[in-house]
PDB file of N, CA and C in Angstrom:
ATOM      1  N   MET A   1     -92.754 -88.197 182.115  1.00  0.00           N
ATOM      2  CA  MET A   1     -91.982 -87.497 180.969  1.00  0.00           C
ATOM      3  C   MET A   1     -90.934 -88.399 180.779  1.00  0.00           C
ATOM      4  N   ALA A   2     -90.512 -88.480 179.533  1.00  0.00           N
ATOM      5  CA  ALA A   2     -89.269 -89.303 179.078  1.00  0.00           C
ATOM      6  C   ALA A   2     -88.755 -88.375 178.074  1.00  0.00           C
ATOM      7  N   VAL A   3     -87.354 -88.155 178.314  1.00  0.00           N
ATOM      8  CA  VAL A   3     -86.595 -87.433 177.315  1.00  0.00           C
ATOM      9  C   VAL A   3     -85.429 -88.434 176.926  1.00  0.00           C
ATOM     10  N   GLU A   4     -84.939 -88.475 175.635  1.00  0.00           N
ATOM     11  CA  GLU A   4     -83.719 -89.297 175.239  1.00  0.00           C
ATOM     12  C   GLU A   4     -82.756 -88.147 174.789  1.00  0.00           C
ATOM     13  N   LEU A   5     -81.563 -88.135 175.345  1.00  0.00           N
ATOM     14  CA  LEU A   5     -80.533 -87.207 174.879  1.00  0.00           C
ATOM     15  C   LEU A   5     -79.407 -87.912 173.918  1.00  0.00           C
ATOM     16  N   HIS A   6     -79.061 -87.208 172.930  1.00  0.00           N
ATOM     17  CA  HIS A   6     -77.979 -87.821 172.032  1.00  0.00           C
ATOM     18  C   HIS A   6     -76.872 -86.859 172.029  1.00  0.00           C
ATOM     19  N   PHE A   7     -75.672 -87.316 172.433  1.00  0.00           N
ATOM     20  CA  PHE A   7     -74.518 -86.284 172.399  1.00  0.00           C
ATOM     21  C   PHE A   7     -73.577 -86.609 171.038  1.00  0.00           C
ATOM     22  N   ALA A   8     -72.888 -85.573 171.080  1.00  0.00           N
ATOM     23  CA  ALA A   8     -71.946 -85.601 169.791  1.00  0.00           C
ATOM     24  C   ALA A   8     -70.944 -86.645 169.999  1.00  0.00           C
ATOM     25  N   SER A   9     -70.715 -87.043 171.094  1.00  0.00           N
ATOM     26  CA  SER A   9     -69.650 -88.178 171.335  1.00  0.00           C
ATOM     27  C   SER A   9     -70.268 -89.452 171.088  1.00  0.00           C
ATOM     28  N   GLY A  10     -71.654 -89.648 170.911  1.00  0.00           N
ATOM     29  CA  GLY A  10     -72.152 -90.907 170.583  1.00  0.00           C
ATOM     30  C   GLY A  10     -72.856 -91.552 171.859  1.00  0.00           C
ATOM     31  N   LEU A  11     -72.593 -90.647 173.078  1.00  0.00           N
ATOM     32  CA  LEU A  11     -73.464 -91.186 174.416  1.00  0.00           C
ATOM     33  C   LEU A  11     -74.939 -90.719 174.212  1.00  0.00           C
ATOM     34  N   ARG A  12     -75.515 -91.647 174.560  1.00  0.00           N
ATOM     35  CA  ARG A  12     -77.025 -91.562 174.838  1.00  0.00           C
ATOM     36  C   ARG A  12     -77.558 -91.490 176.424  1.00  0.00           C
ATOM     37  N   ALA A  13     -78.456 -90.895 176.685  1.00  0.00           N
ATOM     38  CA  ALA A  13     -78.951 -90.726 177.972  1.00  0.00           C
ATOM     39  C   ALA A  13     -80.364 -90.672 178.159  1.00  0.00           C
ATOM     40  N   GLN A  14     -81.144 -91.180 179.012  1.00  0.00           N
ATOM     41  CA  GLN A  14     -82.489 -91.162 179.012  1.00  0.00           C
ATOM     42  C   GLN A  14     -82.942 -90.591 180.318  1.00  0.00           C
ATOM     43  N   LEU A  15     -83.928 -89.657 180.463  1.00  0.00           N
ATOM     44  CA  LEU A  15     -84.252 -89.037 181.655  1.00  0.00           C
ATOM     45  C   LEU A  15     -85.867 -89.416 181.701  1.00  0.00           C
ATOM     46  N   ILE A  16     -86.390 -90.257 182.795  1.00  0.00           N
ATOM     47  CA  ILE A  16     -87.785 -90.530 182.778  1.00  0.00           C
ATOM     48  C   ILE A  16     -88.133 -90.177 184.348  1.00  0.00           C
ATOM     49  N   ASN A  17     -89.199 -89.367 184.253  1.00  0.00           N
ATOM     50  CA  ASN A  17     -89.709 -88.738 185.515  1.00  0.00           C
ATOM     51  C   ASN A  17     -91.271 -89.240 185.438  1.00  0.00           C
ATOM     52  N   ILE A  18     -91.474 -89.759 186.733  1.00  0.00           N
ATOM     53  CA  ILE A  18     -92.967 -90.201 186.780  1.00  0.00           C
ATOM     54  C   ILE A  18     -93.475 -89.322 188.100  1.00  0.00           C
ATOM     55  N   TRP A  19     -94.520 -88.702 187.968  1.00  0.00           N
ATOM     56  CA  TRP A  19     -95.319 -88.476 189.073  1.00  0.00           C
ATOM     57  C   TRP A  19     -96.551 -89.154 189.840  1.00  0.00           C
ATOM     58  N   HIS A  20     -96.481 -89.657 190.920  1.00  0.00           N
ATOM     59  CA  HIS A  20     -97.642 -90.487 191.131  1.00  0.00           C
ATOM     60  C   HIS A  20     -98.790 -90.013 191.616  1.00  0.00           C
ATOM     61  N   ASN A  21     -99.001 -88.668 191.950  1.00  0.00           N
ATOM     62  CA  ASN A  21    -100.098 -88.117 192.192  1.00  0.00           C
ATOM     63  C   ASN A  21    -101.024 -88.760 193.489  1.00  0.00           C
ATOM     64  N   MET A  22    -100.264 -89.376 194.470  1.00  0.00           N
ATOM     65  CA  MET A  22    -100.912 -89.984 195.497  1.00  0.00           C
ATOM     66  C   MET A  22    -100.327 -89.212 196.728  1.00  0.00           C
ATOM     67  N   VAL A  23    -101.227 -88.429 197.196  1.00  0.00           N
ATOM     68  CA  VAL A  23    -100.981 -87.576 198.374  1.00  0.00           C
ATOM     69  C   VAL A  23    -100.469 -88.368 199.610  1.00  0.00           C
ATOM     70  N   GLN A  24    -100.952 -89.533 199.931  1.00  0.00           N
ATOM     71  CA  GLN A  24    -100.651 -90.213 201.036  1.00  0.00           C
ATOM     72  C   GLN A  24     -99.324 -90.885 200.888  1.00  0.00           C
ATOM     73  N   ARG A  25     -98.663 -90.889 199.823  1.00  0.00           N
ATOM     74  CA  ARG A  25     -97.188 -91.425 199.623  1.00  0.00           C
ATOM     75  C   ARG A  25     -96.142 -90.378 199.886  1.00  0.00           C
ATOM     76  N   PRO A  26     -95.315 -90.668 200.302  1.00  0.00           N
ATOM     77  CA  PRO A  26     -94.036 -89.766 200.334  1.00  0.00           C
ATOM     78  C   PRO A  26     -93.541 -89.244 198.899  1.00  0.00           C
ATOM     79  N   SER A  27     -93.282 -88.066 198.889  1.00  0.00           N
ATOM     80  CA  SER A  27     -92.782 -87.543 197.588  1.00  0.00           C
ATOM     81  C   SER A  27     -91.140 -87.461 197.700  1.00  0.00           C
ATOM     82  N   ASN A  28     -90.629 -88.571 197.277  1.00  0.00           N
ATOM     83  CA  ASN A  28     -89.352 -88.719 197.134  1.00  0.00           C
ATOM     84  C   ASN A  28     -88.839 -88.741 195.678  1.00  0.00           C
ATOM     85  N   ARG A  29     -87.363 -88.627 195.739  1.00  0.00           N
ATOM     86  CA  ARG A  29     -86.698 -88.715 194.388  1.00  0.00           C
ATOM     87  C   ARG A  29     -85.779 -89.907 194.401  1.00  0.00           C
ATOM     88  N   ARG A  30     -85.618 -90.578 193.329  1.00  0.00           N
ATOM     89  CA  ARG A  30     -84.482 -91.655 193.357  1.00  0.00           C
ATOM     90  C   ARG A  30     -83.931 -91.522 191.879  1.00  0.00           C
ATOM     91  N   LEU A  31     -82.683 -91.151 192.017  1.00  0.00           N
ATOM     92  CA  LEU A  31     -81.888 -91.221 190.822  1.00  0.00           C
ATOM     93  C   LEU A  31     -81.125 -92.505 190.522  1.00  0.00           C
ATOM     94  N   GLU A  32     -80.994 -92.978 189.343  1.00  0.00           N
ATOM     95  CA  GLU A  32     -80.347 -93.944 189.166  1.00  0.00           C
ATOM     96  C   GLU A  32     -79.671 -93.933 187.623  1.00  0.00           C
ATOM     97  N   ILE A  33     -78.213 -94.221 187.890  1.00  0.00           N
ATOM     98  CA  ILE A  33     -77.329 -94.089 186.425  1.00  0.00           C
ATOM     99  C   ILE A  33     -76.914 -95.428 186.358  1.00  0.00           C
ATOM    100  N   PHE A  34     -77.214 -95.958 185.026  1.00  0.00           N
ATOM    101  CA  PHE A  34     -76.791 -97.263 184.510  1.00  0.00           C
ATOM    102  C   PHE A  34     -75.839 -96.948 183.427  1.00  0.00           C
ATOM    103  N   CYS A  35     -74.535 -97.419 183.358  1.00  0.00           N
ATOM    104  CA  CYS A  35     -73.680 -97.419 182.228  1.00  0.00           C
ATOM    105  C   CYS A  35     -72.740 -98.732 182.225  1.00  0.00           C
ATOM    106  N   ASP A  36     -71.963 -98.688 181.021  1.00  0.00           N
ATOM    107  CA  ASP A  36     -71.076 -99.977 180.905  1.00  0.00           C
ATOM    108  C   ASP A  36     -70.521-100.182 182.312  1.00  0.00           C
ATOM    109  N   ASN A  37     -70.636-101.283 182.929  1.00  0.00           N
ATOM    110  CA  ASN A  37     -69.992-101.889 184.175  1.00  0.00           C
ATOM    111  C   ASN A  37     -70.225-100.944 185.205  1.00  0.00           C
ATOM    112  N   ALA A  38     -71.060-100.137 185.487  1.00  0.00           N
ATOM    113  CA  ALA A  38     -71.427 -99.414 186.778  1.00  0.00           C
ATOM    114  C   ALA A  38     -72.837 -99.089 186.947  1.00  0.00           C
ATOM    115  N   PHE A  39     -73.320 -98.920 188.058  1.00  0.00           N
ATOM    116  CA  PHE A  39     -74.683 -98.439 188.662  1.00  0.00           C
ATOM    117  C   PHE A  39     -74.573 -97.608 189.928  1.00  0.00           C
ATOM    118  N   ILE A  40     -74.984 -96.470 189.676  1.00  0.00           N
ATOM    119  CA  ILE A  40     -74.932 -95.342 190.822  1.00  0.00           C
ATOM    120  C   ILE A  40     -76.257 -95.005 190.976  1.00  0.00           C
ATOM    121  N   ALA A  41     -76.763 -94.801 192.558  1.00  0.00           N
ATOM    122  CA  ALA A  41     -78.225 -94.576 192.868  1.00  0.00           C
ATOM    123  C   ALA A  41     -78.193 -93.684 194.258  1.00  0.00           C
ATOM    124  N   SER A  42     -79.164 -93.006 194.122  1.00  0.00           N
ATOM    125  CA  SER A  42     -79.490 -92.244 195.407  1.00  0.00           C
ATOM    126  C   SER A  42     -80.884 -92.122 195.548  1.00  0.00           C
ATOM    127  N   ASP A  43     -81.269 -92.195 196.881  1.00  0.00           N
ATOM    128  CA  ASP A  43     -82.892 -92.139 197.227  1.00  0.00           C
ATOM    129  C   ASP A  43     -83.063 -90.759 197.811  1.00  0.00           C
ATOM    130  N   ALA A  44     -82.052 -90.000 197.867  1.00  0.00           N
ATOM    131  CA  ALA A  44     -81.866 -88.647 198.589  1.00  0.00           C
ATOM    132  C   ALA A  44     -82.156 -87.415 197.785  1.00  0.00           C
ATOM    133  N   ASP A  45     -83.051 -86.239 198.339  1.00  0.00           N
ATOM    134  CA  ASP A  45     -83.426 -85.350 197.523  1.00  0.00           C
ATOM    135  C   ASP A  45     -82.277 -84.074 197.692  1.00  0.00           C
ATOM    136  N   MET A  46     -81.784 -84.100 198.952  1.00  0.00           N
ATOM    137  CA  MET A  46     -80.764 -82.816 199.010  1.00  0.00           C
ATOM    138  C   MET A  46     -79.366 -83.512 199.421  1.00  0.00           C
ATOM    139  N   SER A  47     -79.370 -84.527 200.251  1.00  0.00           N
ATOM    140  CA  SER A  47     -78.016 -85.082 200.504  1.00  0.00           C
ATOM    141  C   SER A  47     -78.267 -86.424 201.023  1.00  0.00           C
ATOM    142  N   GLY A  48     -77.527 -87.178 201.151  1.00  0.00           N
ATOM    143  CA  GLY A  48     -77.838 -88.571 201.654  1.00  0.00           C
ATOM    144  C   GLY A  48     -76.709 -89.727 201.172  1.00  0.00           C
ATOM    145  N   ASP A  49     -76.744 -90.901 201.270  1.00  0.00           N
ATOM    146  CA  ASP A  49     -76.010 -92.125 200.920  1.00  0.00           C
ATOM    147  C   ASP A  49     -76.153 -92.220 199.494  1.00  0.00           C
ATOM    148  N   VAL A  50     -74.817 -92.504 198.835  1.00  0.00           N
ATOM    149  CA  VAL A  50     -74.908 -93.033 197.259  1.00  0.00           C
ATOM    150  C   VAL A  50     -74.731 -94.427 197.176  1.00  0.00           C
ATOM    151  N   ILE A  51     -75.430 -95.101 196.613  1.00  0.00           N
ATOM    152  CA  ILE A  51     -75.364 -96.624 196.327  1.00  0.00           C
ATOM    153  C   ILE A  51     -74.516 -96.763 195.011  1.00  0.00           C
ATOM    154  N   HIS A  52     -73.492 -97.670 194.908  1.00  0.00           N
ATOM    155  CA  HIS A  52     -72.907 -97.787 193.713  1.00  0.00           C
ATOM    156  C   HIS A  52     -72.129 -99.266 193.597  1.00  0.00           C
ATOM    157  N   GLN A  53     -72.164 -99.697 192.238  1.00  0.00           N
ATOM    158  CA  GLN A  53     -71.749-101.016 191.994  1.00  0.00           C
ATOM    159  C   GLN A  53     -70.944-100.689 190.673  1.00  0.00           C
ATOM    160  N   PHE A  54     -69.597-101.303 190.541  1.00  0.00           N
ATOM    161  CA  PHE A  54     -68.820-101.257 189.545  1.00  0.00           C
ATOM    162  C   PHE A  54     -68.439-102.756 189.059  1.00  0.00           C
ATOM    163  N   GLY A  55     -68.462-103.041 187.756  1.00  0.00           N
ATOM    164  CA  GLY A  55     -68.516-104.411 187.250  1.00  0.00           C
ATOM    165  C   GLY A  55     -69.125-105.367 187.954  1.00  0.00           C
ATOM    166  N   ASP A  56     -68.364-106.334 188.147  1.00  0.00           N
ATOM    167  CA  ASP A  56     -69.084-107.531 189.012  1.00  0.00           C
ATOM    168  C   ASP A  56     -68.961-107.443 190.462  1.00  0.00           C
ATOM    169  N   GLY A  57     -68.313-106.338 190.895  1.00  0.00           N
ATOM    170  CA  GLY A  57     -68.165-106.058 192.260  1.00  0.00           C
ATOM    171  C   GLY A  57     -69.360-106.016 193.056  1.00  0.00           C
ATOM    172  N   PRO A  58     -69.354-105.778 194.562  1.00  0.00           N
ATOM    173  CA  PRO A  58     -70.645-105.969 195.236  1.00  0.00           C
ATOM    174  C   PRO A  58     -71.223-104.693 195.353  1.00  0.00           C
ATOM    175  N   GLU A  59     -72.260-104.401 195.586  1.00  0.00           N
ATOM    176  CA  GLU A  59     -72.862-103.100 195.717  1.00  0.00           C
ATOM    177  C   GLU A  59     -72.435-102.714 197.084  1.00  0.00           C
ATOM    178  N   GLN A  60     -72.083-101.284 196.972  1.00  0.00           N
ATOM    179  CA  GLN A  60     -71.596-100.628 198.100  1.00  0.00           C
ATOM    180  C   GLN A  60     -72.321 -99.445 198.414  1.00  0.00           C
ATOM    181  N   VAL A  61     -72.242 -98.818 199.520  1.00  0.00           N
ATOM    182  CA  VAL A  61     -72.838 -97.648 200.053  1.00  0.00           C
ATOM    183  C   VAL A  61     -71.864 -96.527 200.423  1.00  0.00           C
ATOM    184  N   MET A  62     -71.888 -95.344 199.809  1.00  0.00           N
ATOM    185  CA  MET A  62     -70.896 -94.273 200.215  1.00  0.00           C
ATOM    186  C   MET A  62     -71.821 -93.614 201.144  1.00  0.00           C
ATOM    187  N   PRO A  63     -71.528 -93.386 202.437  1.00  0.00           N
ATOM    188  CA  PRO A  63     -72.146 -92.588 203.523  1.00  0.00           C
ATOM    189  C   PRO A  63     -72.331 -91.194 203.113  1.00  0.00           C
ATOM    190  N   GLU A  64     -73.265 -90.639 203.689  1.00  0.00           N
ATOM    191  CA  GLU A  64     -73.586 -89.113 203.294  1.00  0.00           C
ATOM    192  C   GLU A  64     -72.416 -88.282 203.573  1.00  0.00           C
ATOM    193  N   HIS A  65     -71.772 -88.417 204.692  1.00  0.00           N
ATOM    194  CA  HIS A  65     -70.565 -87.643 205.160  1.00  0.00           C
ATOM    195  C   HIS A  65     -69.543 -87.688 204.120  1.00  0.00           C
ATOM    196  N   GLU A  66     -69.256 -88.928 203.400  1.00  0.00           N
ATOM    197  CA  GLU A  66     -68.309 -88.997 202.397  1.00  0.00           C
ATOM    198  C   GLU A  66     -68.670 -88.428 201.029  1.00  0.00           C
ATOM    199  N   VAL A  67     -69.912 -88.274 200.701  1.00  0.00           N
ATOM    200  CA  VAL A  67     -70.375 -87.679 199.758  1.00  0.00           C
ATOM    201  C   VAL A  67     -70.291 -86.297 199.860  1.00  0.00           C
ATOM    202  N   ALA A  68     -70.746 -85.663 201.122  1.00  0.00           N
ATOM    203  CA  ALA A  68     -70.379 -84.125 201.183  1.00  0.00           C
ATOM    204  C   ALA A  68     -68.845 -83.754 201.082  1.00  0.00           C
ATOM    205  N   ALA A  69     -68.110 -84.674 201.616  1.00  0.00           N
ATOM    206  CA  ALA A  69     -66.461 -84.369 201.693  1.00  0.00           C
ATOM    207  C   ALA A  69     -66.048 -84.197 200.079  1.00  0.00           C
ATOM    208  N   LEU A  70     -66.706 -85.204 199.349  1.00  0.00           N
ATOM    209  CA  LEU A  70     -66.179 -85.179 197.896  1.00  0.00           C
ATOM    210  C   LEU A  70     -66.829 -83.787 197.279  1.00  0.00           C
ATOM    211  N   LEU A  71     -68.041 -83.664 197.554  1.00  0.00           N
ATOM    212  CA  LEU A  71     -68.528 -82.287 197.109  1.00  0.00           C
ATOM    213  C   LEU A  71     -67.795 -81.184 197.365  1.00  0.00           C
ATOM    214  N   HIS A  72     -67.162 -81.189 198.803  1.00  0.00           N
ATOM    215  CA  HIS A  72     -66.561 -80.062 199.308  1.00  0.00           C
ATOM    216  C   HIS A  72     -65.113 -79.858 198.548  1.00  0.00           C
ATOM    217  N   ARG A  73     -64.510 -81.151 198.384  1.00  0.00           N
ATOM    218  CA  ARG A  73     -63.366 -81.001 197.742  1.00  0.00           C
ATOM    219  C   ARG A  73     -63.229 -80.481 196.140  1.00  0.00           C
ATOM    220  N   GLY A  74     -64.501 -80.985 195.584  1.00  0.00           N
ATOM    221  CA  GLY A  74     -64.644 -80.352 194.240  1.00  0.00           C
ATOM    222  C   GLY A  74     -64.992 -79.086 194.170  1.00  0.00           C
ATOM    223  N   ALA A  75     -65.446 -78.495 195.353  1.00  0.00           N
ATOM    224  CA  ALA A  75     -65.875 -77.181 195.108  1.00  0.00           C
ATOM    225  C   ALA A  75     -64.543 -76.132 195.072  1.00  0.00           C
ATOM    226  N   GLY A  76     -63.437 -76.699 195.211  1.00  0.00           N
ATOM    227  CA  GLY A  76     -62.048 -76.234 195.152  1.00  0.00           C
ATOM    228  C   GLY A  76     -61.876 -74.631 195.733  1.00  0.00           C
ATOM    229  N   ARG A  77     -61.890 -73.505 194.933  1.00  0.00           N
ATOM    230  CA  ARG A  77     -61.529 -72.415 195.495  1.00  0.00           C
ATOM    231  C   ARG A  77     -62.805 -71.764 196.327  1.00  0.00           C
ATOM    232  N   ARG A  78     -64.009 -72.343 196.055  1.00  0.00           N
ATOM    233  CA  ARG A  78     -65.266 -72.075 196.671  1.00  0.00           C
ATOM    234  C   ARG A  78     -65.455 -72.800 197.928  1.00  0.00           C
ATOM    235  N   ALA A  79     -64.365 -73.379 198.367  1.00  0.00           N
ATOM    236  CA  ALA A  79     -64.657 -74.484 199.513  1.00  0.00           C
ATOM    237  C   ALA A  79     -65.229 -73.641 200.855  1.00  0.00           C
ATOM    238  N   GLY A  80     -64.858 -72.608 201.164  1.00  0.00           N
ATOM    239  CA  GLY A  80     -65.021 -71.890 202.396  1.00  0.00           C
ATOM    240  C   GLY A  80     -66.698 -71.404 202.099  1.00  0.00           C
ATOM    241  N   ARG A  81     -66.903 -70.901 200.946  1.00  0.00           N
ATOM    242  CA  ARG A  81     -68.372 -70.553 200.866  1.00  0.00           C
ATOM    243  C   ARG A  81     -69.114 -71.858 200.701  1.00  0.00           C
ATOM    244  N   ALA A  82     -68.861 -72.729 200.150  1.00  0.00           N
ATOM    245  CA  ALA A  82     -69.564 -74.076 199.896  1.00  0.00           C
ATOM    246  C   ALA A  82     -69.777 -74.756 201.086  1.00  0.00           C
ATOM    247  N   ALA A  83     -68.992 -74.686 202.097  1.00  0.00           N
ATOM    248  CA  ALA A  83     -69.096 -75.646 203.502  1.00  0.00           C
ATOM    249  C   ALA A  83     -70.634 -75.354 203.821  1.00  0.00           C
ATOM    250  N   ARG A  84     -71.077 -74.140 203.894  1.00  0.00           N
ATOM    251  CA  ARG A  84     -72.344 -73.747 204.636  1.00  0.00           C
ATOM    252  C   ARG A  84     -73.333 -73.990 203.654  1.00  0.00           C
ATOM    253  N   LEU A  85     -73.216 -74.299 202.373  1.00  0.00           N
ATOM    254  CA  LEU A  85     -74.125 -74.522 201.184  1.00  0.00           C
ATOM    255  C   LEU A  85     -74.341 -75.991 200.821  1.00  0.00           C
ATOM    256  N   LEU A  86     -73.479 -76.772 201.454  1.00  0.00           N
ATOM    257  CA  LEU A  86     -73.494 -78.325 201.004  1.00  0.00           C
ATOM    258  C   LEU A  86     -75.109 -78.832 200.976  1.00  0.00           C
ATOM    259  N   ARG A  87     -75.757 -78.755 202.068  1.00  0.00           N
ATOM    260  CA  ARG A  87     -76.917 -79.130 202.032  1.00  0.00           C
ATOM    261  C   ARG A  87     -78.116 -78.707 201.152  1.00  0.00           C
ATOM    262  N   VAL A  88     -77.748 -77.679 200.417  1.00  0.00           N
ATOM    263  CA  VAL A  88     -78.609 -76.983 199.318  1.00  0.00           C
ATOM    264  C   VAL A  88     -78.361 -77.646 197.998  1.00  0.00           C
ATOM    265  N   SER A  89     -79.511 -78.432 197.456  1.00  0.00           N
ATOM    266  CA  SER A  89     -79.161 -79.224 196.231  1.00  0.00           C
ATOM    267  C   SER A  89     -78.927 -78.307 195.308  1.00  0.00           C
ATOM    268  N   TYR A  90     -77.738 -78.602 194.541  1.00  0.00           N
ATOM    269  CA  TYR A  90     -77.240 -78.200 193.458  1.00  0.00           C
ATOM    270  C   TYR A  90     -76.559 -76.732 193.542  1.00  0.00           C
ATOM    271  N   LEU A  91     -76.643 -76.057 194.837  1.00  0.00           N
ATOM    272  CA  LEU A  91     -76.220 -74.727 194.726  1.00  0.00           C
ATOM    273  C   LEU A  91     -74.651 -74.641 194.653  1.00  0.00           C
ATOM    274  N   VAL A  92     -73.922 -75.479 194.994  1.00  0.00           N
ATOM    275  CA  VAL A  92     -72.547 -75.469 194.832  1.00  0.00           C
ATOM    276  C   VAL A  92     -72.207 -75.475 193.134  1.00  0.00           C
ATOM    277  N   GLN A  93     -73.019 -76.358 192.584  1.00  0.00           N
ATOM    278  CA  GLN A  93     -72.662 -76.554 191.067  1.00  0.00           C
ATOM    279  C   GLN A  93     -73.197 -75.184 190.413  1.00  0.00           C
ATOM    280  N   ASP A  94     -74.175 -74.652 190.929  1.00  0.00           N
ATOM    281  CA  ASP A  94     -75.032 -73.399 190.076  1.00  0.00           C
ATOM    282  C   ASP A  94     -73.980 -72.139 190.609  1.00  0.00           C
ATOM    283  N   LEU A  95     -73.317 -72.132 191.661  1.00  0.00           N
ATOM    284  CA  LEU A  95     -72.443 -71.197 192.050  1.00  0.00           C
ATOM    285  C   LEU A  95     -71.076 -71.340 191.021  1.00  0.00           C
ATOM    286  N   ALA A  96     -70.520 -72.272 190.972  1.00  0.00           N
ATOM    287  CA  ALA A  96     -69.540 -72.597 190.083  1.00  0.00           C
ATOM    288  C   ALA A  96     -69.854 -72.140 188.738  1.00  0.00           C
ATOM    289  N   PHE A  97     -71.046 -72.542 187.970  1.00  0.00           N
ATOM    290  CA  PHE A  97     -71.345 -72.115 186.864  1.00  0.00           C
ATOM    291  C   PHE A  97     -71.630 -70.704 186.604  1.00  0.00           C
ATOM    292  N   VAL A  98     -72.305 -69.821 187.715  1.00  0.00           N
ATOM    293  CA  VAL A  98     -72.416 -68.454 187.727  1.00  0.00           C
ATOM    294  C   VAL A  98     -71.081 -67.897 187.530  1.00  0.00           C
ATOM    295  N   GLU A  99     -70.138 -68.239 188.634  1.00  0.00           N
ATOM    296  CA  GLU A  99     -68.735 -67.756 188.689  1.00  0.00           C
ATOM    297  C   GLU A  99     -68.012 -67.588 187.224  1.00  0.00           C
ATOM    298  N   ALA A 100     -68.202 -68.952 186.674  1.00  0.00           N
ATOM    299  CA  ALA A 100     -67.482 -68.888 185.411  1.00  0.00           C
ATOM    300  C   ALA A 100     -68.261 -68.198 184.435  1.00  0.00           C
ATOM    301  N   LEU A 101     -69.485 -67.879 184.246  1.00  0.00           N
ATOM    302  CA  LEU A 101     -69.985 -66.889 183.194  1.00  0.00           C
ATOM    303  C   LEU A 101     -69.454 -65.442 183.668  1.00  0.00           C
ATOM    304  N   LEU A 102     -69.546 -65.008 185.086  1.00  0.00           N
ATOM    305  CA  LEU A 102     -69.131 -63.820 185.203  1.00  0.00           C
ATOM    306  C   LEU A 102     -67.686 -63.458 185.032  1.00  0.00           C
ATOM    307  N   ALA A 103     -66.800 -64.513 185.144  1.00  0.00           N
ATOM    308  CA  ALA A 103     -65.458 -64.468 184.746  1.00  0.00           C
ATOM    309  C   ALA A 103     -65.119 -64.606 183.287  1.00  0.00           C
ATOM    310  N   GLY A 104     -66.035 -64.735 182.678  1.00  0.00           N
ATOM    311  CA  GLY A 104     -65.803 -64.978 180.902  1.00  0.00           C
ATOM    312  C   GLY A 104     -65.022 -66.016 180.480  1.00  0.00           C
ATOM    313  N   ARG A 105     -65.208 -67.216 181.505  1.00  0.00           N
ATOM    314  CA  ARG A 105     -64.447 -68.407 181.120  1.00  0.00           C
ATOM    315  C   ARG A 105     -65.500 -69.667 180.810  1.00  0.00           C
ATOM    316  N   GLN A 106     -64.859 -70.900 180.477  1.00  0.00           N
ATOM    317  CA  GLN A 106     -65.992 -71.984 180.249  1.00  0.00           C
ATOM    318  C   GLN A 106     -66.092 -72.481 181.686  1.00  0.00           C
ATOM    319  N   PRO A 107     -67.189 -72.858 182.244  1.00  0.00           N
ATOM    320  CA  PRO A 107     -67.477 -73.620 183.209  1.00  0.00           C
ATOM    321  C   PRO A 107     -66.777 -74.906 183.233  1.00  0.00           C
ATOM    322  N   ASP A 108     -66.402 -75.183 184.727  1.00  0.00           N
ATOM    323  CA  ASP A 108     -65.669 -76.580 184.810  1.00  0.00           C
ATOM    324  C   ASP A 108     -66.502 -77.810 184.472  1.00  0.00           C
ATOM    325  N   ALA A 109     -65.908 -78.835 183.921  1.00  0.00           N
ATOM    326  CA  ALA A 109     -66.436 -79.947 183.259  1.00  0.00           C
ATOM    327  C   ALA A 109     -66.832 -80.840 184.541  1.00  0.00           C
TER     328      ALA A 109
END
């Protein structure tokens, strides 16, 4: 499956999903983000290290505990509840979205 997104700002994004249907191979996810002067990637489904490179700098790895700390800080007022949910993929972001809808305000960007 391939999807190309065109945003009002002029930004374009592509999402490509490939299913190998090879039951003997592990079913993992790799996310790669390429943009001007930056590369970010993760091989983790739920939580894990994040690989990043900016400009001509070296490729670096942000360890899983630092990724979790950033997500926890980003949870803001939800930090108490979020601490136990950090290992559940997208749950903190989903919680923020639903809370915004229930409060009648725009979701955080």
